[in-house]
Amino acid sequence: MCLAIPGKILNIDGNSALIDFDGIKQKVIIALIQNPEVGKFVIVHAGYAIEMINEKEALEAIEQWKEIAEEQNLDLSDVL
């Protein structure tokens, strides 16, 4: 099973990018993504952006992750 979290690209530096996961910012590798752009959403697994995702789907998935974290009495940062 693969767990992947959607996030928004804030800036790009070579093959890495700063990604915003609903307020939690982390640097990830974007070398697997074709034509990454600031402002676009990606799915991230194990520190790698693995797929582009549209904003609507990304925001829906983020809400689902927040619900899961809340049900488990966790902060969203605990599941990232």
Protein backbone atom coordinates (compact mmCIF):
# COMPACT_ATOMS: atom_id res chain seq x y z
CA MET A 1 0.00 0.00 0.00
CA CYS A 2 1.19 3.49 -0.83
CA LEU A 3 0.28 6.57 1.17
CA ALA A 4 0.62 9.81 -0.73
CA ILE A 5 -0.22 13.32 0.39
CA PRO A 6 -1.19 16.21 -1.91
CA GLY A 7 0.61 19.52 -1.62
CA LYS A 8 1.06 22.78 -3.49
CA ILE A 9 4.37 23.77 -5.08
CA LEU A 10 5.56 27.03 -3.52
CA ASN A 11 8.93 27.35 -5.24
CA ILE A 12 11.25 25.27 -7.37
CA ASP A 13 15.01 24.90 -6.99
CA GLY A 14 16.44 22.51 -9.59
CA ASN A 15 15.08 19.01 -8.93
CA SER A 16 13.51 19.92 -5.60
CA ALA A 17 10.64 22.12 -4.52
CA LEU A 18 9.17 23.55 -1.36
CA ILE A 19 5.71 22.03 -0.99
CA ASP A 20 2.89 23.33 1.20
CA PHE A 21 0.83 20.58 2.84
CA ASP A 22 -1.97 22.72 4.29
CA GLY A 23 0.45 24.96 6.18
CA ILE A 24 3.20 22.39 6.72
CA LYS A 25 6.08 23.10 4.37
CA GLN A 26 8.64 20.49 3.31
CA LYS A 27 11.23 20.18 0.59
CA VAL A 28 10.64 17.28 -1.81
CA ILE A 29 12.24 15.90 -4.96
CA ILE A 30 10.29 16.78 -8.12
CA ALA A 31 12.53 15.05 -10.67
CA LEU A 32 9.76 12.52 -11.50
CA ILE A 33 7.28 15.24 -12.52
CA GLN A 34 7.13 16.60 -16.05
CA ASN A 35 6.85 20.39 -16.24
CA PRO A 36 6.28 21.17 -12.55
CA GLU A 37 5.03 24.71 -11.95
CA VAL A 38 4.73 26.95 -8.91
CA GLY A 39 1.11 26.97 -7.76
CA LYS A 40 0.32 23.48 -9.07
CA PHE A 41 -0.51 20.52 -6.83
CA VAL A 42 1.40 17.24 -6.65
CA ILE A 43 1.03 13.96 -4.81
CA VAL A 44 4.05 13.23 -2.60
CA HIS A 45 5.21 9.82 -1.36
CA ALA A 46 8.39 9.21 0.63
CA GLY A 47 9.81 12.65 -0.18
CA TYR A 48 9.17 12.42 -3.94
CA ALA A 49 6.47 14.15 -5.96
CA ILE A 50 5.06 11.28 -7.99
CA GLU A 51 2.12 12.79 -9.87
CA MET A 52 0.44 16.08 -10.71
CA ILE A 53 -3.12 16.48 -9.39
CA ASN A 54 -5.75 19.10 -10.05
CA GLU A 55 -6.57 21.60 -7.32
CA LYS A 56 -10.09 20.33 -6.62
CA GLU A 57 -8.92 16.75 -6.07
CA ALA A 58 -5.97 17.95 -3.98
CA LEU A 59 -8.14 20.05 -1.67
CA GLU A 60 -10.62 17.20 -1.24
CA ALA A 61 -7.80 14.79 -0.35
CA ILE A 62 -6.31 17.27 2.12
CA GLU A 63 -9.68 17.51 3.88
CA GLN A 64 -9.84 13.71 4.06
CA TRP A 65 -6.33 13.58 5.59
CA LYS A 66 -7.37 16.21 8.14
CA GLU A 67 -10.43 14.13 9.08
CA ILE A 68 -8.30 11.00 9.48
CA ALA A 69 -5.80 12.86 11.65
CA GLU A 70 -8.61 14.30 13.80
CA GLU A 71 -10.25 10.88 14.24
CA GLN A 72 -6.91 9.51 15.44
CA ASN A 73 -6.27 12.52 17.72
CA LEU A 74 -3.25 13.46 15.61
CA ASP A 75 -2.02 16.69 14.11
CA LEU A 76 -1.80 16.71 10.31
CA SER A 77 1.98 16.95 10.66
CA ASP A 78 1.93 13.55 12.40
CA VAL A 79 0.74 11.84 9.22
CA LEU A 80 3.19 13.55 6.87
